[in-house]
C-alpha atoms as a PDB file:
ATOM      1  CA  UNK A   1      66.769-183.772-342.931  1.00  0.00           C
ATOM      2  CA  UNK A   2      63.936-183.884-344.771  1.00  0.00           C
ATOM      3  CA  UNK A   3      61.057-183.588-342.310  1.00  0.00           C
ATOM      4  CA  UNK A   4      62.647-180.907-339.993  1.00  0.00           C
ATOM      5  CA  UNK A   5      63.183-178.941-343.115  1.00  0.00           C
ATOM      6  CA  UNK A   6      59.164-178.798-343.852  1.00  0.00           C
ATOM      7  CA  UNK A   7      59.070-178.135-340.308  1.00  0.00           C
ATOM      8  CA  UNK A   8      60.889-175.122-340.284  1.00  0.00           C
ATOM      9  CA  UNK A   9      59.224-173.988-343.344  1.00  0.00           C
ATOM     10  CA  UNK A  10      56.017-174.411-342.353  1.00  0.00           C
ATOM     11  CA  UNK A  11      56.786-172.366-338.889  1.00  0.00           C
ATOM     12  CA  UNK A  12      58.027-169.604-341.277  1.00  0.00           C
ATOM     13  CA  UNK A  13      55.062-169.059-343.103  1.00  0.00           C
ATOM     14  CA  UNK A  14      52.823-169.160-339.712  1.00  0.00           C
ATOM     15  CA  UNK A  15      54.627-166.782-338.274  1.00  0.00           C
ATOM     16  CA  UNK A  16      53.454-163.226-340.278  1.00  0.00           C
ATOM     17  CA  UNK A  17      49.890-164.658-339.844  1.00  0.00           C
ATOM     18  CA  UNK A  18      50.456-164.826-336.055  1.00  0.00           C
ATOM     19  CA  UNK A  19      51.470-161.328-336.043  1.00  0.00           C
ATOM     20  CA  UNK A  20      49.164-160.080-338.028  1.00  0.00           C
ATOM     21  CA  UNK A  21      46.254-161.261-335.707  1.00  0.00           C
ATOM     22  CA  UNK A  22      47.658-159.748-332.717  1.00  0.00           C
ATOM     23  CA  UNK A  23      47.875-156.666-334.415  1.00  0.00           C
ATOM     24  CA  UNK A  24      44.517-155.146-335.170  1.00  0.00           C
ATOM     25  CA  UNK A  25      43.475-154.276-338.814  1.00  0.00           C
ATOM     26  CA  UNK A  26      43.527-150.371-339.905  1.00  0.00           C
ATOM     27  CA  UNK A  27      39.704-149.318-338.951  1.00  0.00           C
ATOM     28  CA  UNK A  28      38.622-151.750-336.314  1.00  0.00           C
ATOM     29  CA  UNK A  29      37.049-150.368-333.601  1.00  0.00           C
ATOM     30  CA  UNK A  30      38.947-149.124-330.420  1.00  0.00           C
ATOM     31  CA  UNK A  31      37.961-149.924-327.090  1.00  0.00           C
ATOM     32  CA  UNK A  32      35.869-147.647-325.742  1.00  0.00           C
ATOM     33  CA  UNK A  33      37.086-145.354-323.313  1.00  0.00           C
ATOM     34  CA  UNK A  34      35.895-146.029-319.675  1.00  0.00           C
ATOM     35  CA  UNK A  35      32.804-144.181-318.359  1.00  0.00           C
ATOM     36  CA  UNK A  36      33.791-141.039-316.499  1.00  0.00           C
ATOM     37  CA  UNK A  37      32.226-141.071-312.389  1.00  0.00           C
ATOM     38  CA  UNK A  38      29.091-139.698-311.650  1.00  0.00           C
ATOM     39  CA  UNK A  39      29.164-136.235-310.499  1.00  0.00           C
ATOM     40  CA  UNK A  40      28.689-136.069-306.272  1.00  0.00           C
ATOM     41  CA  UNK A  41      25.348-134.586-305.625  1.00  0.00           C
ATOM     42  CA  UNK A  42      24.733-130.696-304.689  1.00  0.00           C
ATOM     43  CA  UNK A  43      25.480-129.552-301.307  1.00  0.00           C
ATOM     44  CA  UNK A  44      23.451-126.011-302.375  1.00  0.00           C
ATOM     45  CA  UNK A  45      20.325-126.339-300.451  1.00  0.00           C
ATOM     46  CA  UNK A  46      17.120-125.215-301.987  1.00  0.00           C
ATOM     47  CA  UNK A  47      14.929-122.370-301.576  1.00  0.00           C
ATOM     48  CA  UNK A  48      12.304-122.512-298.419  1.00  0.00           C
ATOM     49  CA  UNK A  49       8.937-122.484-300.229  1.00  0.00           C
ATOM     50  CA  UNK A  50       6.152-121.211-297.927  1.00  0.00           C
ATOM     51  CA  UNK A  51       3.424-122.998-296.436  1.00  0.00           C
ATOM     52  CA  UNK A  52       0.282-122.303-297.607  1.00  0.00           C
ATOM     53  CA  UNK A  53      -1.528-119.600-295.435  1.00  0.00           C
ATOM     54  CA  UNK A  54       1.670-118.088-294.110  1.00  0.00           C
ATOM     55  CA  UNK A  55       1.356-114.413-294.157  1.00  0.00           C
ATOM     56  CA  UNK A  56       3.497-111.942-296.183  1.00  0.00           C
ATOM     57  CA  UNK A  57       6.110-110.388-294.635  1.00  0.00           C
ATOM     58  CA  UNK A  58       4.068-106.936-296.100  1.00  0.00           C
ATOM     59  CA  UNK A  59       1.024-108.380-293.934  1.00  0.00           C
ATOM     60  CA  UNK A  60       3.118-108.908-291.041  1.00  0.00           C
ATOM     61  CA  UNK A  61       4.461-105.398-290.665  1.00  0.00           C
ATOM     62  CA  UNK A  62       0.876-104.165-291.619  1.00  0.00           C
ATOM     63  CA  UNK A  63      -0.236-105.671-288.569  1.00  0.00           C
ATOM     64  CA  UNK A  64       2.575-104.619-286.596  1.00  0.00           C
ATOM     65  CA  UNK A  65       2.172-100.967-288.042  1.00  0.00           C
ATOM     66  CA  UNK A  66      -1.793-101.397-286.868  1.00  0.00           C
ATOM     67  CA  UNK A  67      -0.794-102.376-283.338  1.00  0.00           C
ATOM     68  CA  UNK A  68       2.023 -99.785-282.863  1.00  0.00           C
ATOM     69  CA  UNK A  69      -1.002 -97.314-283.685  1.00  0.00           C
ATOM     70  CA  UNK A  70      -3.072 -98.407-281.213  1.00  0.00           C
ATOM     71  CA  UNK A  71      -1.003 -98.171-278.522  1.00  0.00           C
ATOM     72  CA  UNK A  72       0.071 -95.000-279.573  1.00  0.00           C
ATOM     73  CA  UNK A  73      -3.750 -93.680-279.566  1.00  0.00           C
ATOM     74  CA  UNK A  74      -4.044 -95.278-276.201  1.00  0.00           C
ATOM     75  CA  UNK A  75      -1.587 -93.645-274.640  1.00  0.00           C
ATOM     76  CA  UNK A  76      -2.757 -90.224-275.792  1.00  0.00           C
ATOM     77  CA  UNK A  77      -6.450 -91.027-274.732  1.00  0.00           C
ATOM     78  CA  UNK A  78      -3.969 -91.817-271.241  1.00  0.00           C
ATOM     79  CA  UNK A  79      -2.397 -88.215-271.317  1.00  0.00           C
ATOM     80  CA  UNK A  80      -5.573 -86.526-271.454  1.00  0.00           C
ATOM     81  CA  UNK A  81      -7.640 -88.371-269.323  1.00  0.00           C
ATOM     82  CA  UNK A  82      -4.339 -87.436-266.709  1.00  0.00           C
ATOM     83  CA  UNK A  83      -4.807 -84.135-268.043  1.00  0.00           C
ATOM     84  CA  UNK A  84      -8.321 -84.033-267.289  1.00  0.00           C
ATOM     85  CA  UNK A  85      -7.968 -85.378-263.850  1.00  0.00           C
ATOM     86  CA  UNK A  86      -5.279 -82.370-263.413  1.00  0.00           C
ATOM     87  CA  UNK A  87      -7.704 -79.900-264.124  1.00  0.00           C
ATOM     88  CA  UNK A  88     -10.245 -80.604-261.807  1.00  0.00           C
ATOM     89  CA  UNK A  89      -8.047 -81.195-259.383  1.00  0.00           C
ATOM     90  CA  UNK A  90      -6.976 -77.442-259.756  1.00  0.00           C
ATOM     91  CA  UNK A  91     -10.187 -76.462-260.023  1.00  0.00           C
ATOM     92  CA  UNK A  92     -10.906 -78.460-256.707  1.00  0.00           C
ATOM     93  CA  UNK A  93      -7.850 -76.615-255.094  1.00  0.00           C
ATOM     94  CA  UNK A  94      -9.166 -73.161-256.243  1.00  0.00           C
ATOM     95  CA  UNK A  95     -13.075 -73.315-255.563  1.00  0.00           C
ATOM     96  CA  UNK A  96     -11.668 -74.453-251.635  1.00  0.00           C
ATOM     97  CA  UNK A  97      -9.773 -70.928-251.385  1.00  0.00           C
ATOM     98  CA  UNK A  98      -7.270 -68.644-250.911  1.00  0.00           C
ATOM     99  CA  UNK A  99      -6.013 -65.329-251.623  1.00  0.00           C
ATOM    100  CA  UNK A 100      -8.352 -63.899-254.316  1.00  0.00           C
ATOM    101  CA  UNK A 101      -4.887 -62.160-255.706  1.00  0.00           C
ATOM    102  CA  UNK A 102      -3.455 -65.077-256.669  1.00  0.00           C
ATOM    103  CA  UNK A 103      -5.858 -65.757-259.366  1.00  0.00           C
ATOM    104  CA  UNK A 104      -9.567 -64.388-260.183  1.00  0.00           C
ATOM    105  CA  UNK A 105     -13.377 -65.655-259.211  1.00  0.00           C
ATOM    106  CA  UNK A 106     -15.749 -66.934-260.667  1.00  0.00           C
ATOM    107  CA  UNK A 107     -19.705 -66.947-259.843  1.00  0.00           C
ATOM    108  CA  UNK A 108     -21.843 -69.190-262.711  1.00  0.00           C
ATOM    109  CA  UNK A 109     -25.762 -68.729-261.960  1.00  0.00           C
ATOM    110  CA  UNK A 110     -28.934 -70.352-263.870  1.00  0.00           C
ATOM    111  CA  UNK A 111     -31.890 -68.018-264.181  1.00  0.00           C
ATOM    112  CA  UNK A 112     -35.028 -70.051-265.197  1.00  0.00           C
ATOM    113  CA  UNK A 113     -37.418 -67.379-267.032  1.00  0.00           C
ATOM    114  CA  UNK A 114     -39.236 -69.761-268.910  1.00  0.00           C
ATOM    115  CA  UNK A 115     -42.982 -69.395-269.478  1.00  0.00           C
ATOM    116  CA  UNK A 116     -45.142 -71.890-267.692  1.00  0.00           C
ATOM    117  CA  UNK A 117     -45.564 -73.910-270.925  1.00  0.00           C
ATOM    118  CA  UNK A 118     -42.362 -75.330-270.411  1.00  0.00           C
ATOM    119  CA  UNK A 119     -41.150 -77.365-267.068  1.00  0.00           C
ATOM    120  CA  UNK A 120     -37.189 -77.861-266.641  1.00  0.00           C
ATOM    121  CA  UNK A 121     -36.513 -81.491-266.112  1.00  0.00           C
ATOM    122  CA  UNK A 122     -32.552 -81.398-266.479  1.00  0.00           C
ATOM    123  CA  UNK A 123     -29.261 -79.347-266.031  1.00  0.00           C
ATOM    124  CA  UNK A 124     -25.710 -80.152-266.543  1.00  0.00           C
ATOM    125  CA  UNK A 125     -23.163 -77.242-266.773  1.00  0.00           C
ATOM    126  CA  UNK A 126     -19.510 -77.585-267.083  1.00  0.00           C
ATOM    127  CA  UNK A 127     -16.217 -74.950-267.050  1.00  0.00           C
ATOM    128  CA  UNK A 128     -13.845 -75.799-269.656  1.00  0.00           C
ATOM    129  CA  UNK A 129     -14.769 -79.258-270.180  1.00  0.00           C
ATOM    130  CA  UNK A 130     -15.542 -80.119-266.594  1.00  0.00           C
ATOM    131  CA  UNK A 131     -18.460 -80.969-265.158  1.00  0.00           C
ATOM    132  CA  UNK A 132     -19.353 -78.588-262.388  1.00  0.00           C
ATOM    133  CA  UNK A 133     -23.249 -78.750-261.772  1.00  0.00           C
ATOM    134  CA  UNK A 134     -25.814 -81.437-262.917  1.00  0.00           C
ATOM    135  CA  UNK A 135     -29.035 -82.115-262.065  1.00  0.00           C
ATOM    136  CA  UNK A 136     -32.574 -83.890-263.308  1.00  0.00           C
ATOM    137  CA  UNK A 137     -35.794 -83.897-261.597  1.00  0.00           C
ATOM    138  CA  UNK A 138     -38.901 -85.199-263.413  1.00  0.00           C
ATOM    139  CA  UNK A 139     -40.820 -84.298-260.629  1.00  0.00           C
ATOM    140  CA  UNK A 140     -40.699 -80.811-260.989  1.00  0.00           C
ATOM    141  CA  UNK A 141     -38.789 -79.300-258.100  1.00  0.00           C
ATOM    142  CA  UNK A 142     -35.896 -78.375-260.262  1.00  0.00           C
ATOM    143  CA  UNK A 143     -38.139 -75.758-262.588  1.00  0.00           C
ATOM    144  CA  UNK A 144     -39.754 -74.259-259.170  1.00  0.00           C
ATOM    145  CA  UNK A 145     -36.304 -72.622-258.543  1.00  0.00           C
ATOM    146  CA  UNK A 146     -35.736 -69.745-259.674  1.00  0.00           C
ATOM    147  CA  UNK A 147     -32.086 -69.262-259.728  1.00  0.00           C
ATOM    148  CA  UNK A 148     -29.737 -72.388-259.028  1.00  0.00           C
ATOM    149  CA  UNK A 149     -26.004 -72.151-258.196  1.00  0.00           C
ATOM    150  CA  UNK A 150     -23.395 -73.540-260.774  1.00  0.00           C
ATOM    151  CA  UNK A 151     -20.416 -72.624-260.078  1.00  0.00           C
ATOM    152  CA  UNK A 152     -18.672 -70.330-257.535  1.00  0.00           C
ATOM    153  CA  UNK A 153     -14.858 -70.336-257.228  1.00  0.00           C
ATOM    154  CA  UNK A 154     -11.561 -69.392-257.540  1.00  0.00           C
ATOM    155  CA  UNK A 155     -10.269 -69.834-261.474  1.00  0.00           C
ATOM    156  CA  UNK A 156      -7.064 -68.866-263.415  1.00  0.00           C
ATOM    157  CA  UNK A 157      -7.254 -65.548-264.981  1.00  0.00           C
ATOM    158  CA  UNK A 158      -7.627 -65.628-268.802  1.00  0.00           C
ATOM    159  CA  UNK A 159     -10.457 -67.218-271.133  1.00  0.00           C
ATOM    160  CA  UNK A 160     -12.764 -69.347-269.712  1.00  0.00           C
ATOM    161  CA  UNK A 161     -15.689 -71.811-271.361  1.00  0.00           C
ATOM    162  CA  UNK A 162     -18.665 -72.568-270.372  1.00  0.00           C
ATOM    163  CA  UNK A 163     -21.123 -75.100-271.665  1.00  0.00           C
ATOM    164  CA  UNK A 164     -24.131 -76.353-270.998  1.00  0.00           C
ATOM    165  CA  UNK A 165     -27.307 -78.511-271.720  1.00  0.00           C
ATOM    166  CA  UNK A 166     -30.884 -77.899-270.870  1.00  0.00           C
ATOM    167  CA  UNK A 167     -33.709 -80.618-270.864  1.00  0.00           C
ATOM    168  CA  UNK A 168     -37.156 -79.005-271.367  1.00  0.00           C
ATOM    169  CA  UNK A 169     -40.999 -80.655-271.272  1.00  0.00           C
ATOM    170  CA  UNK A 170     -43.961 -79.081-272.212  1.00  0.00           C
ATOM    171  CA  UNK A 171     -46.548 -78.932-270.458  1.00  0.00           C
ATOM    172  CA  UNK A 172     -49.359 -81.643-270.531  1.00  0.00           C
ATOM    173  CA  UNK A 173     -49.490 -85.303-270.663  1.00  0.00           C
ATOM    174  CA  UNK A 174     -47.115 -87.068-273.313  1.00  0.00           C
ATOM    175  CA  UNK A 175     -45.854 -83.951-274.607  1.00  0.00           C
ATOM    176  CA  UNK A 176     -42.781 -83.750-275.930  1.00  0.00           C
ATOM    177  CA  UNK A 177     -38.986 -82.602-274.515  1.00  0.00           C
ATOM    178  CA  UNK A 178     -36.928 -79.755-275.876  1.00  0.00           C
ATOM    179  CA  UNK A 179     -33.097 -79.586-275.551  1.00  0.00           C
ATOM    180  CA  UNK A 180     -31.184 -76.145-275.339  1.00  0.00           C
ATOM    181  CA  UNK A 181     -27.010 -76.870-275.991  1.00  0.00           C
ATOM    182  CA  UNK A 182     -25.157 -73.538-275.268  1.00  0.00           C
ATOM    183  CA  UNK A 183     -21.481 -72.375-275.303  1.00  0.00           C
ATOM    184  CA  UNK A 184     -19.743 -69.128-274.055  1.00  0.00           C
ATOM    185  CA  UNK A 185     -16.342 -67.997-273.560  1.00  0.00           C
ATOM    186  CA  UNK A 186     -15.598 -65.375-271.041  1.00  0.00           C
ATOM    187  CA  UNK A 187     -12.283 -63.478-269.469  1.00  0.00           C
ATOM    188  CA  UNK A 188     -11.975 -63.851-265.997  1.00  0.00           C
ATOM    189  CA  UNK A 189      -9.252 -60.867-264.567  1.00  0.00           C
ATOM    190  CA  UNK A 190      -6.853 -61.133-262.021  1.00  0.00           C
ATOM    191  CA  UNK A 191      -7.848 -59.490-258.735  1.00  0.00           C
ATOM    192  CA  UNK A 192     -12.004 -59.586-259.757  1.00  0.00           C
ATOM    193  CA  UNK A 193     -14.967 -61.438-259.168  1.00  0.00           C
ATOM    194  CA  UNK A 194     -16.288 -62.553-262.401  1.00  0.00           C
ATOM    195  CA  UNK A 195     -20.269 -62.989-262.978  1.00  0.00           C
ATOM    196  CA  UNK A 196     -22.257 -64.837-265.391  1.00  0.00           C
ATOM    197  CA  UNK A 197     -25.948 -65.022-265.355  1.00  0.00           C
ATOM    198  CA  UNK A 198     -27.483 -67.871-267.660  1.00  0.00           C
ATOM    199  CA  UNK A 199     -30.960 -67.053-268.192  1.00  0.00           C
ATOM    200  CA  UNK A 200     -33.295 -69.616-269.867  1.00  0.00           C
ATOM    201  CA  UNK A 201     -36.552 -67.731-270.996  1.00  0.00           C
ATOM    202  CA  UNK A 202     -39.260 -68.527-273.707  1.00  0.00           C
ATOM    203  CA  UNK A 203     -38.119 -66.648-276.664  1.00  0.00           C
ATOM    204  CA  UNK A 204     -40.983 -65.965-279.776  1.00  0.00           C
ATOM    205  CA  UNK A 205     -41.053 -68.414-282.299  1.00  0.00           C
ATOM    206  CA  UNK A 206     -43.564 -70.069-284.591  1.00  0.00           C
ATOM    207  CA  UNK A 207     -42.581 -74.020-283.727  1.00  0.00           C
ATOM    208  CA  UNK A 208     -42.589 -74.942-280.019  1.00  0.00           C
ATOM    209  CA  UNK A 209     -39.123 -76.773-280.397  1.00  0.00           C
ATOM    210  CA  UNK A 210     -37.595 -72.823-281.052  1.00  0.00           C
ATOM    211  CA  UNK A 211     -38.783 -71.259-278.392  1.00  0.00           C
ATOM    212  CA  UNK A 212     -36.862 -72.810-274.908  1.00  0.00           C
ATOM    213  CA  UNK A 213     -33.061 -70.383-275.433  1.00  0.00           C
ATOM    214  CA  UNK A 214     -30.832 -69.053-272.972  1.00  0.00           C
ATOM    215  CA  UNK A 215     -28.603 -65.997-273.291  1.00  0.00           C
ATOM    216  CA  UNK A 216     -25.408 -64.518-270.807  1.00  0.00           C
ATOM    217  CA  UNK A 217     -24.770 -61.629-268.644  1.00  0.00           C
ATOM    218  CA  UNK A 218     -21.841 -60.571-267.330  1.00  0.00           C
ATOM    219  CA  UNK A 219     -20.496 -58.749-264.857  1.00  0.00           C
ATOM    220  CA  UNK A 220     -17.065 -58.162-262.706  1.00  0.00           C
ATOM    221  CA  UNK A 221     -16.278 -56.440-259.823  1.00  0.00           C
ATOM    222  CA  UNK A 222     -13.168 -55.830-257.837  1.00  0.00           C
ATOM    223  CA  UNK A 223     -12.453 -57.979-254.943  1.00  0.00           C
ATOM    224  CA  UNK A 224     -12.979 -55.349-252.211  1.00  0.00           C
ATOM    225  CA  UNK A 225     -16.811 -54.481-253.933  1.00  0.00           C
ATOM    226  CA  UNK A 226     -19.588 -55.287-251.796  1.00  0.00           C
ATOM    227  CA  UNK A 227     -20.753 -58.874-252.596  1.00  0.00           C
ATOM    228  CA  UNK A 228     -24.029 -59.886-254.760  1.00  0.00           C
ATOM    229  CA  UNK A 229     -25.935 -61.659-252.268  1.00  0.00           C
ATOM    230  CA  UNK A 230     -25.968 -65.417-252.387  1.00  0.00           C
ATOM    231  CA  UNK A 231     -28.374 -67.092-254.439  1.00  0.00           C
ATOM    232  CA  UNK A 232     -28.219 -70.086-252.223  1.00  0.00           C
ATOM    233  CA  UNK A 233     -30.983 -72.313-253.349  1.00  0.00           C
ATOM    234  CA  UNK A 234     -33.180 -70.317-255.312  1.00  0.00           C
ATOM    235  CA  UNK A 235     -36.544 -68.531-254.794  1.00  0.00           C
ATOM    236  CA  UNK A 236     -39.707 -70.782-255.287  1.00  0.00           C
ATOM    237  CA  UNK A 237     -41.596 -69.701-258.339  1.00  0.00           C
END
Protein backbone atom coordinates (compact mmCIF):
# COMPACT_ATOMS: atom_id res chain seq x y z
CA UNK A 1 0.00 0.00 0.00
CA UNK A 2 2.73 2.43 0.95
CA UNK A 3 4.69 1.50 -2.23
CA UNK A 4 1.68 2.22 -4.49
CA UNK A 5 1.16 5.58 -2.82
CA UNK A 6 4.77 6.61 -3.46
CA UNK A 7 4.59 5.62 -7.16
CA UNK A 8 1.44 7.67 -7.66
CA UNK A 9 3.05 10.68 -5.99
CA UNK A 10 6.13 10.36 -8.25
CA UNK A 11 4.01 10.24 -11.39
CA UNK A 12 2.10 13.35 -10.32
CA UNK A 13 5.40 15.14 -9.77
CA UNK A 14 6.79 14.14 -13.23
CA UNK A 15 3.61 14.92 -15.29
CA UNK A 16 3.87 18.79 -15.37
CA UNK A 17 7.59 18.56 -16.20
CA UNK A 18 6.88 16.33 -19.22
CA UNK A 19 4.19 18.75 -20.38
CA UNK A 20 6.60 21.69 -20.03
CA UNK A 21 9.24 19.80 -22.01
CA UNK A 22 6.81 19.31 -24.88
CA UNK A 23 5.74 23.04 -24.92
CA UNK A 24 8.44 25.34 -26.41
CA UNK A 25 9.61 28.00 -24.04
CA UNK A 26 8.84 31.65 -24.74
CA UNK A 27 11.51 33.30 -26.88
CA UNK A 28 12.84 30.03 -28.25
CA UNK A 29 13.71 29.94 -32.00
CA UNK A 30 10.82 29.10 -34.34
CA UNK A 31 11.37 26.51 -37.04
CA UNK A 32 12.67 28.08 -40.28
CA UNK A 33 10.06 28.49 -43.03
CA UNK A 34 10.63 26.40 -46.10
CA UNK A 35 12.69 28.17 -48.80
CA UNK A 36 10.64 29.46 -51.72
CA UNK A 37 10.88 27.57 -54.97
CA UNK A 38 13.48 28.82 -57.41
CA UNK A 39 12.11 31.20 -60.06
CA UNK A 40 11.57 29.70 -63.50
CA UNK A 41 14.09 30.79 -66.12
CA UNK A 42 12.93 33.72 -68.33
CA UNK A 43 11.80 32.82 -71.85
CA UNK A 44 12.22 36.38 -73.32
CA UNK A 45 14.94 36.16 -75.99
CA UNK A 46 17.87 38.51 -75.66
CA UNK A 47 18.44 41.20 -78.32
CA UNK A 48 20.75 39.91 -81.05
CA UNK A 49 24.23 41.35 -81.08
CA UNK A 50 25.56 42.36 -84.50
CA UNK A 51 28.58 40.42 -85.59
CA UNK A 52 31.77 42.41 -86.06
CA UNK A 53 32.05 43.83 -89.57
CA UNK A 54 28.30 43.69 -90.32
CA UNK A 55 27.28 46.88 -92.26
CA UNK A 56 24.75 49.10 -90.59
CA UNK A 57 21.32 49.65 -92.08
CA UNK A 58 22.21 53.19 -93.18
CA UNK A 59 25.19 51.85 -95.15
CA UNK A 60 23.05 49.28 -96.91
CA UNK A 61 20.49 51.94 -97.81
CA UNK A 62 23.26 54.19 -99.15
CA UNK A 63 24.62 51.40 -101.34
CA UNK A 64 21.18 50.66 -102.74
CA UNK A 65 20.73 54.36 -103.49
CA UNK A 66 24.04 54.46 -105.36
CA UNK A 67 23.05 51.41 -107.41
CA UNK A 68 19.69 52.96 -108.30
CA UNK A 69 21.41 56.21 -109.26
CA UNK A 70 23.81 54.35 -111.55
CA UNK A 71 20.93 52.43 -113.11
CA UNK A 72 19.10 55.71 -113.76
CA UNK A 73 22.19 57.17 -115.41
CA UNK A 74 22.61 54.10 -117.60
CA UNK A 75 18.99 54.38 -118.71
CA UNK A 76 19.49 58.06 -119.45
CA UNK A 77 22.57 57.30 -121.57
CA UNK A 78 20.62 54.61 -123.44
CA UNK A 79 17.88 57.12 -124.12
CA UNK A 80 20.37 59.67 -125.44
CA UNK A 81 21.95 57.08 -127.71
CA UNK A 82 18.51 56.12 -128.99
CA UNK A 83 17.66 59.75 -129.73
CA UNK A 84 20.97 60.22 -131.55
CA UNK A 85 20.34 57.13 -133.67
CA UNK A 86 16.85 58.37 -134.50
CA UNK A 87 18.26 61.75 -135.52
CA UNK A 88 20.88 60.11 -137.73
CA UNK A 89 18.25 57.91 -139.33
CA UNK A 90 16.09 60.95 -139.99
CA UNK A 91 19.00 62.80 -141.58
CA UNK A 92 19.77 59.80 -143.78
CA UNK A 93 16.15 59.49 -144.87
CA UNK A 94 15.94 63.20 -145.63
CA UNK A 95 19.25 63.15 -147.51
CA UNK A 96 18.06 60.31 -149.76
CA UNK A 97 15.44 62.49 -151.41
CA UNK A 98 11.80 63.43 -151.32
CA UNK A 99 9.84 66.58 -152.06
CA UNK A 100 11.52 69.76 -150.94
CA UNK A 101 8.09 71.14 -150.05
CA UNK A 102 7.96 68.58 -147.23
CA UNK A 103 10.89 70.32 -145.52
CA UNK A 104 14.01 72.30 -146.30
CA UNK A 105 17.32 71.61 -147.97
CA UNK A 106 20.80 72.52 -146.80
CA UNK A 107 24.05 72.60 -148.73
CA UNK A 108 27.23 72.98 -146.69
CA UNK A 109 30.67 73.37 -148.27
CA UNK A 110 34.13 74.26 -146.98
CA UNK A 111 36.38 76.55 -149.01
CA UNK A 112 40.09 76.55 -148.24
CA UNK A 113 41.59 80.02 -148.53
CA UNK A 114 44.41 79.40 -146.09
CA UNK A 115 47.78 80.84 -147.07
CA UNK A 116 50.75 78.80 -148.18
CA UNK A 117 52.15 78.76 -144.63
CA UNK A 118 49.59 76.20 -143.45
CA UNK A 119 48.53 72.74 -144.66
CA UNK A 120 45.05 71.35 -143.94
CA UNK A 121 45.61 67.84 -142.55
CA UNK A 122 42.18 66.94 -141.11
CA UNK A 123 38.63 68.23 -141.15
CA UNK A 124 35.50 67.05 -139.32
CA UNK A 125 31.98 68.49 -139.51
CA UNK A 126 28.76 67.73 -137.60
CA UNK A 127 25.17 68.90 -138.08
CA UNK A 128 22.99 69.02 -134.97
CA UNK A 129 25.53 66.84 -133.18
CA UNK A 130 25.56 64.12 -135.86
CA UNK A 131 28.83 63.67 -137.84
CA UNK A 132 28.27 64.34 -141.55
CA UNK A 133 31.80 64.53 -143.02
CA UNK A 134 35.31 63.77 -141.79
CA UNK A 135 38.66 63.27 -143.51
CA UNK A 136 42.28 63.06 -142.42
CA UNK A 137 45.17 63.18 -144.87
CA UNK A 138 48.68 64.11 -143.80
CA UNK A 139 49.95 63.64 -147.35
CA UNK A 140 48.51 66.94 -148.57
CA UNK A 141 45.71 65.68 -150.84
CA UNK A 142 43.06 67.22 -148.58
CA UNK A 143 44.86 70.56 -148.62
CA UNK A 144 45.01 70.65 -152.44
CA UNK A 145 41.21 70.72 -152.74
CA UNK A 146 39.76 74.22 -152.78
CA UNK A 147 36.22 73.09 -151.94
CA UNK A 148 35.03 70.21 -149.76
CA UNK A 149 31.39 69.00 -150.09
CA UNK A 150 30.36 68.70 -146.43
CA UNK A 151 26.59 68.12 -146.63
CA UNK A 152 23.86 68.19 -149.28
CA UNK A 153 20.47 66.95 -148.17
CA UNK A 154 17.05 67.63 -146.72
CA UNK A 155 16.53 68.78 -143.16
CA UNK A 156 13.61 69.92 -141.06
CA UNK A 157 12.79 73.64 -141.19
CA UNK A 158 14.08 75.65 -138.25
CA UNK A 159 17.35 76.34 -136.49
CA UNK A 160 20.30 73.98 -136.97
CA UNK A 161 23.76 73.95 -135.44
CA UNK A 162 26.87 73.29 -137.48
CA UNK A 163 30.13 72.43 -135.69
CA UNK A 164 33.61 71.83 -137.10
CA UNK A 165 37.19 71.00 -136.22
CA UNK A 166 40.05 71.79 -138.61
CA UNK A 167 43.66 70.74 -138.09
CA UNK A 168 46.47 72.64 -139.81
CA UNK A 169 50.20 72.00 -139.91
CA UNK A 170 52.81 74.64 -140.50
CA UNK A 171 55.07 74.31 -143.51
CA UNK A 172 58.47 72.77 -142.96
CA UNK A 173 59.85 69.74 -141.17
CA UNK A 174 58.84 69.50 -137.50
CA UNK A 175 56.39 72.40 -137.80
CA UNK A 176 53.70 72.60 -135.09
CA UNK A 177 50.03 71.82 -135.64
CA UNK A 178 47.13 74.16 -135.00
CA UNK A 179 43.48 73.30 -134.43
CA UNK A 180 40.43 75.45 -135.12
CA UNK A 181 37.08 74.60 -133.50
CA UNK A 182 33.96 76.58 -134.28
CA UNK A 183 30.15 76.45 -134.27
CA UNK A 184 27.50 78.23 -136.33
CA UNK A 185 23.70 78.31 -136.09
CA UNK A 186 21.55 78.93 -139.16
CA UNK A 187 17.84 78.92 -139.96
CA UNK A 188 16.53 76.62 -142.70
CA UNK A 189 13.38 78.03 -144.27
CA UNK A 190 10.73 75.64 -145.60
CA UNK A 191 10.66 75.32 -149.39
CA UNK A 192 14.11 76.88 -149.75
CA UNK A 193 17.67 75.75 -150.28
CA UNK A 194 19.99 77.14 -147.57
CA UNK A 195 23.65 77.24 -148.54
CA UNK A 196 26.32 77.60 -145.86
CA UNK A 197 29.88 78.17 -147.04
CA UNK A 198 32.62 77.76 -144.45
CA UNK A 199 35.78 79.62 -145.37
CA UNK A 200 39.08 78.74 -143.75
CA UNK A 201 41.51 81.65 -144.04
CA UNK A 202 44.61 83.18 -142.48
CA UNK A 203 43.91 86.30 -140.48
CA UNK A 204 46.37 88.92 -139.36
CA UNK A 205 47.85 88.06 -135.97
CA UNK A 206 51.21 88.34 -134.27
CA UNK A 207 51.36 84.69 -133.18
CA UNK A 208 51.17 81.82 -135.70
CA UNK A 209 48.62 79.84 -133.61
CA UNK A 210 46.18 82.76 -133.80
CA UNK A 211 46.20 83.10 -137.58
CA UNK A 212 44.08 80.09 -138.70
CA UNK A 213 40.40 81.13 -138.62
CA UNK A 214 37.01 80.49 -140.23
CA UNK A 215 34.08 82.61 -141.34
CA UNK A 216 30.59 81.68 -142.53
CA UNK A 217 28.70 82.86 -145.59
CA UNK A 218 24.96 82.18 -145.70
CA UNK A 219 22.59 82.32 -148.68
CA UNK A 220 19.08 81.01 -149.34
CA UNK A 221 17.05 80.67 -152.53
CA UNK A 222 13.68 79.20 -153.49
CA UNK A 223 13.42 75.70 -154.88
CA UNK A 224 12.61 76.85 -158.39
CA UNK A 225 15.65 79.16 -158.53
CA UNK A 226 18.64 78.21 -160.59
CA UNK A 227 20.95 75.92 -158.62
CA UNK A 228 24.61 76.66 -158.12
CA UNK A 229 27.19 74.56 -159.95
CA UNK A 230 28.15 71.42 -158.01
CA UNK A 231 31.23 71.72 -155.88
CA UNK A 232 32.07 68.01 -156.28
CA UNK A 233 35.64 67.25 -155.49
CA UNK A 234 36.82 70.85 -155.73
CA UNK A 235 39.48 72.38 -157.91
CA UNK A 236 43.16 71.84 -157.36
CA UNK A 237 45.16 74.63 -155.85
